[in-house]
PDB file of N, CA and C in Angstrom:
ATOM      1  N   UNK A   1      37.558 137.151 -23.227  1.00  0.00           N
ATOM      2  CA  UNK A   1      38.359 138.200 -22.636  1.00  0.00           C
ATOM      3  C   UNK A   1      38.433 139.361 -23.612  1.00  0.00           C
ATOM      4  N   UNK A   2      38.062 140.565 -23.177  1.00  0.00           N
ATOM      5  CA  UNK A   2      38.087 141.710 -24.087  1.00  0.00           C
ATOM      6  C   UNK A   2      39.507 142.097 -24.470  1.00  0.00           C
ATOM      7  N   UNK A   3      39.630 142.594 -25.668  1.00  0.00           N
ATOM      8  CA  UNK A   3      40.920 143.052 -26.169  1.00  0.00           C
ATOM      9  C   UNK A   3      41.182 144.460 -25.644  1.00  0.00           C
ATOM     10  N   UNK A   4      42.371 144.731 -25.118  1.00  0.00           N
ATOM     11  CA  UNK A   4      42.654 146.095 -24.650  1.00  0.00           C
ATOM     12  C   UNK A   4      42.690 147.063 -25.835  1.00  0.00           C
ATOM     13  N   UNK A   5      42.160 148.237 -25.609  1.00  0.00           N
ATOM     14  CA  UNK A   5      42.114 149.236 -26.671  1.00  0.00           C
ATOM     15  C   UNK A   5      43.406 150.052 -26.661  1.00  0.00           C
ATOM     16  N   UNK A   6      43.975 150.232 -27.829  1.00  0.00           N
ATOM     17  CA  UNK A   6      45.229 150.975 -27.934  1.00  0.00           C
ATOM     18  C   UNK A   6      44.973 152.475 -27.778  1.00  0.00           C
ATOM     19  N   UNK A   7      46.038 153.204 -27.524  1.00  0.00           N
ATOM     20  CA  UNK A   7      45.933 154.656 -27.369  1.00  0.00           C
ATOM     21  C   UNK A   7      45.494 155.310 -28.674  1.00  0.00           C
ATOM     22  N   UNK A   8      45.956 154.784 -29.808  1.00  0.00           N
ATOM     23  CA  UNK A   8      45.562 155.334 -31.106  1.00  0.00           C
ATOM     24  C   UNK A   8      44.072 155.133 -31.359  1.00  0.00           C
ATOM     25  N   UNK A   9      43.555 153.947 -30.995  1.00  0.00           N
ATOM     26  CA  UNK A   9      42.129 153.684 -31.157  1.00  0.00           C
ATOM     27  C   UNK A   9      41.307 154.602 -30.266  1.00  0.00           C
ATOM     28  N   UNK A  10      41.728 154.759 -29.024  1.00  0.00           N
ATOM     29  CA  UNK A  10      41.002 155.620 -28.100  1.00  0.00           C
ATOM     30  C   UNK A  10      41.033 157.077 -28.531  1.00  0.00           C
ATOM     31  N   UNK A  11      42.109 157.495 -29.200  1.00  0.00           N
ATOM     32  CA  UNK A  11      42.197 158.875 -29.671  1.00  0.00           C
ATOM     33  C   UNK A  11      41.202 159.143 -30.787  1.00  0.00           C
ATOM     34  N   UNK A  12      40.909 158.140 -31.608  1.00  0.00           N
ATOM     35  CA  UNK A  12      39.981 158.320 -32.729  1.00  0.00           C
ATOM     36  C   UNK A  12      38.531 158.016 -32.357  1.00  0.00           C
ATOM     37  N   UNK A  13      38.332 157.409 -31.195  1.00  0.00           N
ATOM     38  CA  UNK A  13      36.987 157.053 -30.758  1.00  0.00           C
ATOM     39  C   UNK A  13      36.200 158.325 -30.431  1.00  0.00           C
ATOM     40  N   UNK A  14      34.960 158.444 -30.899  1.00  0.00           N
ATOM     41  CA  UNK A  14      34.198 159.665 -30.632  1.00  0.00           C
ATOM     42  C   UNK A  14      33.924 159.832 -29.139  1.00  0.00           C
ATOM     43  N   UNK A  15      34.003 161.064 -28.669  1.00  0.00           N
ATOM     44  CA  UNK A  15      33.769 161.373 -27.263  1.00  0.00           C
ATOM     45  C   UNK A  15      32.381 161.941 -27.022  1.00  0.00           C
ATOM     46  N   UNK A  16      31.581 162.046 -28.066  1.00  0.00           N
ATOM     47  CA  UNK A  16      30.234 162.612 -27.947  1.00  0.00           C
ATOM     48  C   UNK A  16      29.208 161.539 -28.298  1.00  0.00           C
ATOM     49  N   UNK A  17      27.992 161.655 -27.784  1.00  0.00           N
ATOM     50  CA  UNK A  17      26.957 160.681 -28.145  1.00  0.00           C
ATOM     51  C   UNK A  17      26.521 160.870 -29.598  1.00  0.00           C
ATOM     52  N   UNK A  18      25.973 159.823 -30.219  1.00  0.00           N
ATOM     53  CA  UNK A  18      25.577 159.918 -31.633  1.00  0.00           C
ATOM     54  C   UNK A  18      24.250 160.651 -31.826  1.00  0.00           C
ATOM     55  N   UNK A  19      24.231 161.897 -31.447  1.00  0.00           N
ATOM     56  CA  UNK A  19      23.045 162.726 -31.622  1.00  0.00           C
ATOM     57  C   UNK A  19      23.479 164.188 -31.716  1.00  0.00           C
ATOM     58  N   UNK A  20      22.593 165.038 -32.207  1.00  0.00           N
ATOM     59  CA  UNK A  20      22.891 166.463 -32.301  1.00  0.00           C
ATOM     60  C   UNK A  20      22.370 167.225 -31.088  1.00  0.00           C
ATOM     61  N   UNK A  21      21.899 166.517 -30.087  1.00  0.00           N
ATOM     62  CA  UNK A  21      21.372 167.151 -28.884  1.00  0.00           C
ATOM     63  C   UNK A  21      22.494 167.896 -28.161  1.00  0.00           C
ATOM     64  N   UNK A  22      22.286 169.184 -27.943  1.00  0.00           N
ATOM     65  CA  UNK A  22      23.256 169.994 -27.231  1.00  0.00           C
ATOM     66  C   UNK A  22      24.442 170.457 -28.053  1.00  0.00           C
ATOM     67  N   UNK A  23      24.420 170.255 -29.352  1.00  0.00           N
ATOM     68  CA  UNK A  23      25.543 170.648 -30.204  1.00  0.00           C
ATOM     69  C   UNK A  23      25.266 172.030 -30.782  1.00  0.00           C
ATOM     70  N   UNK A  24      26.218 172.933 -30.589  1.00  0.00           N
ATOM     71  CA  UNK A  24      26.133 174.266 -31.174  1.00  0.00           C
ATOM     72  C   UNK A  24      26.664 174.171 -32.603  1.00  0.00           C
ATOM     73  N   UNK A  25      25.837 174.530 -33.577  1.00  0.00           N
ATOM     74  CA  UNK A  25      26.222 174.372 -34.979  1.00  0.00           C
ATOM     75  C   UNK A  25      27.349 175.314 -35.398  1.00  0.00           C
ATOM     76  N   UNK A  26      27.616 176.346 -34.629  1.00  0.00           N
ATOM     77  CA  UNK A  26      28.732 177.233 -34.963  1.00  0.00           C
ATOM     78  C   UNK A  26      30.061 176.691 -34.423  1.00  0.00           C
ATOM     79  N   UNK A  27      29.999 175.679 -33.554  1.00  0.00           N
ATOM     80  CA  UNK A  27      31.210 175.038 -33.026  1.00  0.00           C
ATOM     81  C   UNK A  27      31.555 173.856 -33.938  1.00  0.00           C
ATOM     82  N   UNK A  28      32.383 174.124 -34.947  1.00  0.00           N
ATOM     83  CA  UNK A  28      32.668 173.137 -35.987  1.00  0.00           C
ATOM     84  C   UNK A  28      33.268 171.831 -35.465  1.00  0.00           C
ATOM     85  N   UNK A  29      34.245 171.846 -34.566  1.00  0.00           N
ATOM     86  CA  UNK A  29      34.795 170.562 -34.102  1.00  0.00           C
ATOM     87  C   UNK A  29      33.760 169.671 -33.408  1.00  0.00           C
ATOM     88  N   UNK A  30      32.895 170.264 -32.594  1.00  0.00           N
ATOM     89  CA  UNK A  30      31.858 169.454 -31.929  1.00  0.00           C
ATOM     90  C   UNK A  30      30.816 168.961 -32.935  1.00  0.00           C
ATOM     91  N   UNK A  31      30.497 169.780 -33.924  1.00  0.00           N
ATOM     92  CA  UNK A  31      29.546 169.366 -34.957  1.00  0.00           C
ATOM     93  C   UNK A  31      30.113 168.194 -35.752  1.00  0.00           C
ATOM     94  N   UNK A  32      31.375 168.280 -36.133  1.00  0.00           N
ATOM     95  CA  UNK A  32      32.004 167.188 -36.879  1.00  0.00           C
ATOM     96  C   UNK A  32      32.117 165.927 -36.026  1.00  0.00           C
ATOM     97  N   UNK A  33      32.358 166.089 -34.732  1.00  0.00           N
ATOM     98  CA  UNK A  33      32.429 164.931 -33.836  1.00  0.00           C
ATOM     99  C   UNK A  33      31.068 164.253 -33.733  1.00  0.00           C
ATOM    100  N   UNK A  34      29.998 165.033 -33.667  1.00  0.00           N
ATOM    101  CA  UNK A  34      28.651 164.454 -33.614  1.00  0.00           C
ATOM    102  C   UNK A  34      28.323 163.741 -34.928  1.00  0.00           C
ATOM    103  N   UNK A  35      28.691 164.334 -36.054  1.00  0.00           N
ATOM    104  CA  UNK A  35      28.464 163.699 -37.347  1.00  0.00           C
ATOM    105  C   UNK A  35      29.230 162.379 -37.435  1.00  0.00           C
ATOM    106  N   UNK A  36      30.475 162.397 -36.990  1.00  0.00           N
ATOM    107  CA  UNK A  36      31.308 161.191 -37.013  1.00  0.00           C
ATOM    108  C   UNK A  36      30.711 160.109 -36.115  1.00  0.00           C
ATOM    109  N   UNK A  37      30.220 160.482 -34.947  1.00  0.00           N
ATOM    110  CA  UNK A  37      29.633 159.506 -34.033  1.00  0.00           C
ATOM    111  C   UNK A  37      28.383 158.871 -34.638  1.00  0.00           C
ATOM    112  N   UNK A  38      27.570 159.657 -35.320  1.00  0.00           N
ATOM    113  CA  UNK A  38      26.358 159.124 -35.947  1.00  0.00           C
ATOM    114  C   UNK A  38      26.718 158.136 -37.046  1.00  0.00           C
ATOM    115  N   UNK A  39      27.678 158.489 -37.887  1.00  0.00           N
ATOM    116  CA  UNK A  39      28.108 157.596 -38.967  1.00  0.00           C
ATOM    117  C   UNK A  39      28.702 156.312 -38.397  1.00  0.00           C
ATOM    118  N   UNK A  40      29.505 156.422 -37.343  1.00  0.00           N
ATOM    119  CA  UNK A  40      30.098 155.231 -36.728  1.00  0.00           C
ATOM    120  C   UNK A  40      29.025 154.297 -36.180  1.00  0.00           C
ATOM    121  N   UNK A  41      28.016 154.845 -35.527  1.00  0.00           N
ATOM    122  CA  UNK A  41      26.941 154.008 -34.987  1.00  0.00           C
ATOM    123  C   UNK A  41      26.204 153.288 -36.115  1.00  0.00           C
ATOM    124  N   UNK A  42      25.968 153.983 -37.217  1.00  0.00           N
ATOM    125  CA  UNK A  42      25.288 153.350 -38.344  1.00  0.00           C
ATOM    126  C   UNK A  42      26.140 152.232 -38.936  1.00  0.00           C
ATOM    127  N   UNK A  43      27.456 152.445 -39.021  1.00  0.00           N
ATOM    128  CA  UNK A  43      28.339 151.405 -39.543  1.00  0.00           C
ATOM    129  C   UNK A  43      28.393 150.202 -38.617  1.00  0.00           C
ATOM    130  N   UNK A  44      28.372 150.433 -37.316  1.00  0.00           N
ATOM    131  CA  UNK A  44      28.380 149.319 -36.365  1.00  0.00           C
ATOM    132  C   UNK A  44      27.127 148.462 -36.547  1.00  0.00           C
ATOM    133  N   UNK A  45      25.971 149.108 -36.702  1.00  0.00           N
ATOM    134  CA  UNK A  45      24.734 148.352 -36.919  1.00  0.00           C
ATOM    135  C   UNK A  45      24.787 147.581 -38.232  1.00  0.00           C
ATOM    136  N   UNK A  46      25.360 148.190 -39.259  1.00  0.00           N
ATOM    137  CA  UNK A  46      25.486 147.518 -40.545  1.00  0.00           C
ATOM    138  C   UNK A  46      26.397 146.297 -40.454  1.00  0.00           C
ATOM    139  N   UNK A  47      27.518 146.442 -39.763  1.00  0.00           N
ATOM    140  CA  UNK A  47      28.452 145.318 -39.617  1.00  0.00           C
ATOM    141  C   UNK A  47      27.879 144.218 -38.727  1.00  0.00           C
ATOM    142  N   UNK A  48      27.068 144.579 -37.729  1.00  0.00           N
ATOM    143  CA  UNK A  48      26.415 143.566 -36.904  1.00  0.00           C
ATOM    144  C   UNK A  48      25.454 142.743 -37.760  1.00  0.00           C
ATOM    145  N   UNK A  49      24.716 143.398 -38.649  1.00  0.00           N
ATOM    146  CA  UNK A  49      23.818 142.671 -39.538  1.00  0.00           C
ATOM    147  C   UNK A  49      24.613 141.745 -40.456  1.00  0.00           C
ATOM    148  N   UNK A  50      25.776 142.187 -40.902  1.00  0.00           N
ATOM    149  CA  UNK A  50      26.617 141.348 -41.761  1.00  0.00           C
ATOM    150  C   UNK A  50      27.091 140.102 -41.006  1.00  0.00           C
ATOM    151  N   UNK A  51      27.507 140.283 -39.755  1.00  0.00           N
ATOM    152  CA  UNK A  51      27.954 139.138 -38.954  1.00  0.00           C
ATOM    153  C   UNK A  51      26.828 138.143 -38.720  1.00  0.00           C
ATOM    154  N   UNK A  52      25.637 138.652 -38.430  1.00  0.00           N
ATOM    155  CA  UNK A  52      24.490 137.756 -38.233  1.00  0.00           C
ATOM    156  C   UNK A  52      24.174 137.017 -39.524  1.00  0.00           C
ATOM    157  N   UNK A  53      24.270 137.718 -40.667  1.00  0.00           N
ATOM    158  CA  UNK A  53      24.004 137.073 -41.954  1.00  0.00           C
ATOM    159  C   UNK A  53      25.005 135.956 -42.230  1.00  0.00           C
ATOM    160  N   UNK A  54      26.276 136.185 -41.896  1.00  0.00           N
ATOM    161  CA  UNK A  54      27.281 135.143 -42.108  1.00  0.00           C
ATOM    162  C   UNK A  54      27.009 133.926 -41.225  1.00  0.00           C
ATOM    163  N   UNK A  55      26.618 134.158 -39.978  1.00  0.00           N
ATOM    164  CA  UNK A  55      26.282 133.047 -39.090  1.00  0.00           C
ATOM    165  C   UNK A  55      25.046 132.309 -39.582  1.00  0.00           C
ATOM    166  N   UNK A  56      24.091 133.042 -40.127  1.00  0.00           N
ATOM    167  CA  UNK A  56      22.886 132.425 -40.681  1.00  0.00           C
ATOM    168  C   UNK A  56      23.237 131.543 -41.878  1.00  0.00           C
ATOM    169  N   UNK A  57      24.138 132.002 -42.725  1.00  0.00           N
ATOM    170  CA  UNK A  57      24.580 131.196 -43.858  1.00  0.00           C
ATOM    171  C   UNK A  57      25.268 129.923 -43.413  1.00  0.00           C
ATOM    172  N   UNK A  58      26.106 130.025 -42.390  1.00  0.00           N
ATOM    173  CA  UNK A  58      26.760 128.828 -41.851  1.00  0.00           C
ATOM    174  C   UNK A  58      25.740 127.862 -41.277  1.00  0.00           C
ATOM    175  N   UNK A  59      24.731 128.401 -40.612  1.00  0.00           N
ATOM    176  CA  UNK A  59      23.689 127.554 -40.031  1.00  0.00           C
ATOM    177  C   UNK A  59      22.906 126.839 -41.134  1.00  0.00           C
ATOM    178  N   UNK A  60      22.583 127.555 -42.211  1.00  0.00           N
ATOM    179  CA  UNK A  60      21.862 126.931 -43.325  1.00  0.00           C
ATOM    180  C   UNK A  60      22.656 125.770 -43.904  1.00  0.00           C
ATOM    181  N   UNK A  61      23.949 125.978 -44.092  1.00  0.00           N
ATOM    182  CA  UNK A  61      24.788 124.926 -44.667  1.00  0.00           C
ATOM    183  C   UNK A  61      24.895 123.747 -43.709  1.00  0.00           C
ATOM    184  N   UNK A  62      25.068 124.028 -42.446  1.00  0.00           N
ATOM    185  CA  UNK A  62      25.252 122.981 -41.446  1.00  0.00           C
ATOM    186  C   UNK A  62      23.981 122.157 -41.243  1.00  0.00           C
ATOM    187  N   UNK A  63      22.834 122.809 -41.163  1.00  0.00           N
ATOM    188  CA  UNK A  63      21.583 122.117 -40.829  1.00  0.00           C
ATOM    189  C   UNK A  63      20.887 121.499 -42.032  1.00  0.00           C
ATOM    190  N   UNK A  64      21.169 121.990 -43.214  1.00  0.00           N
ATOM    191  CA  UNK A  64      20.578 121.400 -44.417  1.00  0.00           C
ATOM    192  C   UNK A  64      19.076 121.572 -44.465  1.00  0.00           C
ATOM    193  N   UNK A  65      18.349 120.448 -44.588  1.00  0.00           N
ATOM    194  CA  UNK A  65      16.902 120.519 -44.761  1.00  0.00           C
ATOM    195  C   UNK A  65      16.181 120.947 -43.482  1.00  0.00           C
ATOM    196  N   UNK A  66      16.834 120.889 -42.347  1.00  0.00           N
ATOM    197  CA  UNK A  66      16.216 121.283 -41.080  1.00  0.00           C
ATOM    198  C   UNK A  66      16.475 122.746 -40.728  1.00  0.00           C
ATOM    199  N   UNK A  67      16.944 123.528 -41.675  1.00  0.00           N
ATOM    200  CA  UNK A  67      17.321 124.905 -41.371  1.00  0.00           C
ATOM    201  C   UNK A  67      16.154 125.754 -40.919  1.00  0.00           C
ATOM    202  N   UNK A  68      14.937 125.426 -41.365  1.00  0.00           N
ATOM    203  CA  UNK A  68      13.791 126.230 -40.951  1.00  0.00           C
ATOM    204  C   UNK A  68      13.550 126.119 -39.450  1.00  0.00           C
ATOM    205  N   UNK A  69      13.784 124.965 -38.885  1.00  0.00           N
ATOM    206  CA  UNK A  69      13.586 124.775 -37.446  1.00  0.00           C
ATOM    207  C   UNK A  69      14.801 125.228 -36.651  1.00  0.00           C
ATOM    208  N   UNK A  70      15.988 124.867 -37.111  1.00  0.00           N
ATOM    209  CA  UNK A  70      17.202 125.077 -36.326  1.00  0.00           C
ATOM    210  C   UNK A  70      17.731 126.517 -36.388  1.00  0.00           C
ATOM    211  N   UNK A  71      17.477 127.225 -37.464  1.00  0.00           N
ATOM    212  CA  UNK A  71      18.055 128.559 -37.657  1.00  0.00           C
ATOM    213  C   UNK A  71      17.021 129.671 -37.483  1.00  0.00           C
ATOM    214  N   UNK A  72      15.884 129.368 -36.901  1.00  0.00           N
ATOM    215  CA  UNK A  72      14.815 130.358 -36.764  1.00  0.00           C
ATOM    216  C   UNK A  72      15.212 131.559 -35.926  1.00  0.00           C
ATOM    217  N   UNK A  73      15.943 131.321 -34.834  1.00  0.00           N
ATOM    218  CA  UNK A  73      16.361 132.429 -33.982  1.00  0.00           C
ATOM    219  C   UNK A  73      17.304 133.384 -34.691  1.00  0.00           C
ATOM    220  N   UNK A  74      18.246 132.817 -35.426  1.00  0.00           N
ATOM    221  CA  UNK A  74      19.166 133.667 -36.196  1.00  0.00           C
ATOM    222  C   UNK A  74      18.436 134.426 -37.287  1.00  0.00           C
ATOM    223  N   UNK A  75      17.477 133.770 -37.900  1.00  0.00           N
ATOM    224  CA  UNK A  75      16.714 134.429 -38.965  1.00  0.00           C
ATOM    225  C   UNK A  75      15.949 135.633 -38.419  1.00  0.00           C
ATOM    226  N   UNK A  76      15.335 135.471 -37.247  1.00  0.00           N
ATOM    227  CA  UNK A  76      14.594 136.576 -36.643  1.00  0.00           C
ATOM    228  C   UNK A  76      15.535 137.710 -36.223  1.00  0.00           C
ATOM    229  N   UNK A  77      16.695 137.355 -35.668  1.00  0.00           N
ATOM    230  CA  UNK A  77      17.681 138.382 -35.313  1.00  0.00           C
ATOM    231  C   UNK A  77      18.150 139.140 -36.542  1.00  0.00           C
ATOM    232  N   UNK A  78      18.322 138.421 -37.657  1.00  0.00           N
ATOM    233  CA  UNK A  78      18.768 139.067 -38.891  1.00  0.00           C
ATOM    234  C   UNK A  78      17.703 140.027 -39.423  1.00  0.00           C
ATOM    235  N   UNK A  79      16.441 139.611 -39.389  1.00  0.00           N
ATOM    236  CA  UNK A  79      15.376 140.502 -39.859  1.00  0.00           C
ATOM    237  C   UNK A  79      15.267 141.751 -38.999  1.00  0.00           C
ATOM    238  N   UNK A  80      15.471 141.607 -37.681  1.00  0.00           N
ATOM    239  CA  UNK A  80      15.455 142.776 -36.808  1.00  0.00           C
ATOM    240  C   UNK A  80      16.649 143.684 -37.088  1.00  0.00           C
ATOM    241  N   UNK A  81      17.807 143.091 -37.333  1.00  0.00           N
ATOM    242  CA  UNK A  81      19.007 143.886 -37.604  1.00  0.00           C
ATOM    243  C   UNK A  81      18.916 144.601 -38.949  1.00  0.00           C
ATOM    244  N   UNK A  82      18.187 144.023 -39.897  1.00  0.00           N
ATOM    245  CA  UNK A  82      18.071 144.656 -41.214  1.00  0.00           C
ATOM    246  C   UNK A  82      17.326 145.988 -41.166  1.00  0.00           C
ATOM    247  N   UNK A  83      16.474 146.168 -40.175  1.00  0.00           N
ATOM    248  CA  UNK A  83      15.722 147.418 -40.087  1.00  0.00           C
ATOM    249  C   UNK A  83      16.639 148.621 -39.899  1.00  0.00           C
ATOM    250  N   UNK A  84      17.748 148.433 -39.172  1.00  0.00           N
ATOM    251  CA  UNK A  84      18.662 149.530 -38.894  1.00  0.00           C
ATOM    252  C   UNK A  84      19.991 149.404 -39.608  1.00  0.00           C
ATOM    253  N   UNK A  85      20.130 148.456 -40.527  1.00  0.00           N
ATOM    254  CA  UNK A  85      21.439 148.139 -41.101  1.00  0.00           C
ATOM    255  C   UNK A  85      21.891 149.122 -42.175  1.00  0.00           C
ATOM    256  N   UNK A  86      21.014 149.931 -42.696  1.00  0.00           N
ATOM    257  CA  UNK A  86      21.407 150.826 -43.776  1.00  0.00           C
ATOM    258  C   UNK A  86      22.111 152.065 -43.226  1.00  0.00           C
ATOM    259  N   UNK A  87      23.220 152.417 -43.854  1.00  0.00           N
ATOM    260  CA  UNK A  87      23.944 153.635 -43.479  1.00  0.00           C
ATOM    261  C   UNK A  87      23.280 154.789 -44.219  1.00  0.00           C
ATOM    262  N   UNK A  88      22.586 155.657 -43.474  1.00  0.00           N
ATOM    263  CA  UNK A  88      21.795 156.725 -44.067  1.00  0.00           C
ATOM    264  C   UNK A  88      22.500 158.075 -44.035  1.00  0.00           C
ATOM    265  N   UNK A  89      23.528 158.204 -43.226  1.00  0.00           N
ATOM    266  CA  UNK A  89      24.205 159.487 -43.112  1.00  0.00           C
ATOM    267  C   UNK A  89      23.598 160.326 -42.004  1.00  0.00           C
ATOM    268  N   UNK A  90      24.038 161.567 -41.922  1.00  0.00           N
ATOM    269  CA  UNK A  90      23.638 162.431 -40.815  1.00  0.00           C
ATOM    270  C   UNK A  90      22.868 163.666 -41.257  1.00  0.00           C
ATOM    271  N   UNK A  91      22.784 163.918 -42.551  1.00  0.00           N
ATOM    272  CA  UNK A  91      22.204 165.179 -43.008  1.00  0.00           C
ATOM    273  C   UNK A  91      20.740 165.342 -42.630  1.00  0.00           C
ATOM    274  N   UNK A  92      19.948 164.287 -42.726  1.00  0.00           N
ATOM    275  CA  UNK A  92      18.532 164.410 -42.382  1.00  0.00           C
ATOM    276  C   UNK A  92      18.384 164.758 -40.908  1.00  0.00           C
ATOM    277  N   UNK A  93      19.118 164.064 -40.044  1.00  0.00           N
ATOM    278  CA  UNK A  93      19.036 164.337 -38.606  1.00  0.00           C
ATOM    279  C   UNK A  93      19.532 165.739 -38.292  1.00  0.00           C
ATOM    280  N   UNK A  94      20.560 166.177 -39.002  1.00  0.00           N
ATOM    281  CA  UNK A  94      21.128 167.493 -38.737  1.00  0.00           C
ATOM    282  C   UNK A  94      20.196 168.604 -39.206  1.00  0.00           C
ATOM    283  N   UNK A  95      19.610 168.468 -40.368  1.00  0.00           N
ATOM    284  CA  UNK A  95      18.788 169.538 -40.919  1.00  0.00           C
ATOM    285  C   UNK A  95      17.402 169.589 -40.286  1.00  0.00           C
ATOM    286  N   UNK A  96      16.932 168.466 -39.754  1.00  0.00           N
ATOM    287  CA  UNK A  96      15.583 168.423 -39.193  1.00  0.00           C
ATOM    288  C   UNK A  96      15.580 168.258 -37.680  1.00  0.00           C
ATOM    289  N   UNK A  97      16.671 168.627 -37.041  1.00  0.00           N
ATOM    290  CA  UNK A  97      16.748 168.514 -35.596  1.00  0.00           C
ATOM    291  C   UNK A  97      15.943 169.620 -34.936  1.00  0.00           C
ATOM    292  N   UNK A  98      15.047 169.209 -34.027  1.00  0.00           N
ATOM    293  CA  UNK A  98      14.265 170.164 -33.247  1.00  0.00           C
ATOM    294  C   UNK A  98      14.632 169.949 -31.783  1.00  0.00           C
ATOM    295  N   UNK A  99      15.195 170.943 -31.132  1.00  0.00           N
ATOM    296  CA  UNK A  99      15.590 170.756 -29.726  1.00  0.00           C
ATOM    297  C   UNK A  99      14.392 170.383 -28.854  1.00  0.00           C
ATOM    298  N   UNK A 100      14.589 169.380 -28.010  1.00  0.00           N
ATOM    299  CA  UNK A 100      13.541 168.969 -27.089  1.00  0.00           C
ATOM    300  C   UNK A 100      12.628 167.884 -27.603  1.00  0.00           C
ATOM    301  N   UNK A 101      12.833 167.408 -28.837  1.00  0.00           N
ATOM    302  CA  UNK A 101      11.973 166.364 -29.402  1.00  0.00           C
ATOM    303  C   UNK A 101      12.486 164.960 -29.151  1.00  0.00           C
ATOM    304  N   UNK A 102      13.518 164.790 -28.377  1.00  0.00           N
ATOM    305  CA  UNK A 102      14.089 163.456 -28.200  1.00  0.00           C
ATOM    306  C   UNK A 102      13.552 162.762 -26.999  1.00  0.00           C
TER     307      UNK A 102
END
């Protein structure tokens, strides 16, 4: 059952997609909202990789010598999550954004 989101959480939740598409750089509040959304998405991916890693560690301990067979799915999910797990920031995307390239 999902947890209801509080009004304070909803107020801080970004209202823009995590991209600079359609953002006017002279409109500071929208630019900051886009930057915040990008950073939040990167943190979510990083925390998802952390959760998968913790589950993988539990699986290794639980399965012992059979971990190669029993934990293979988690291991593959972790390797896929590691590709996007690094928080890189928004400056590269902001400075090298070309409209229409998405």
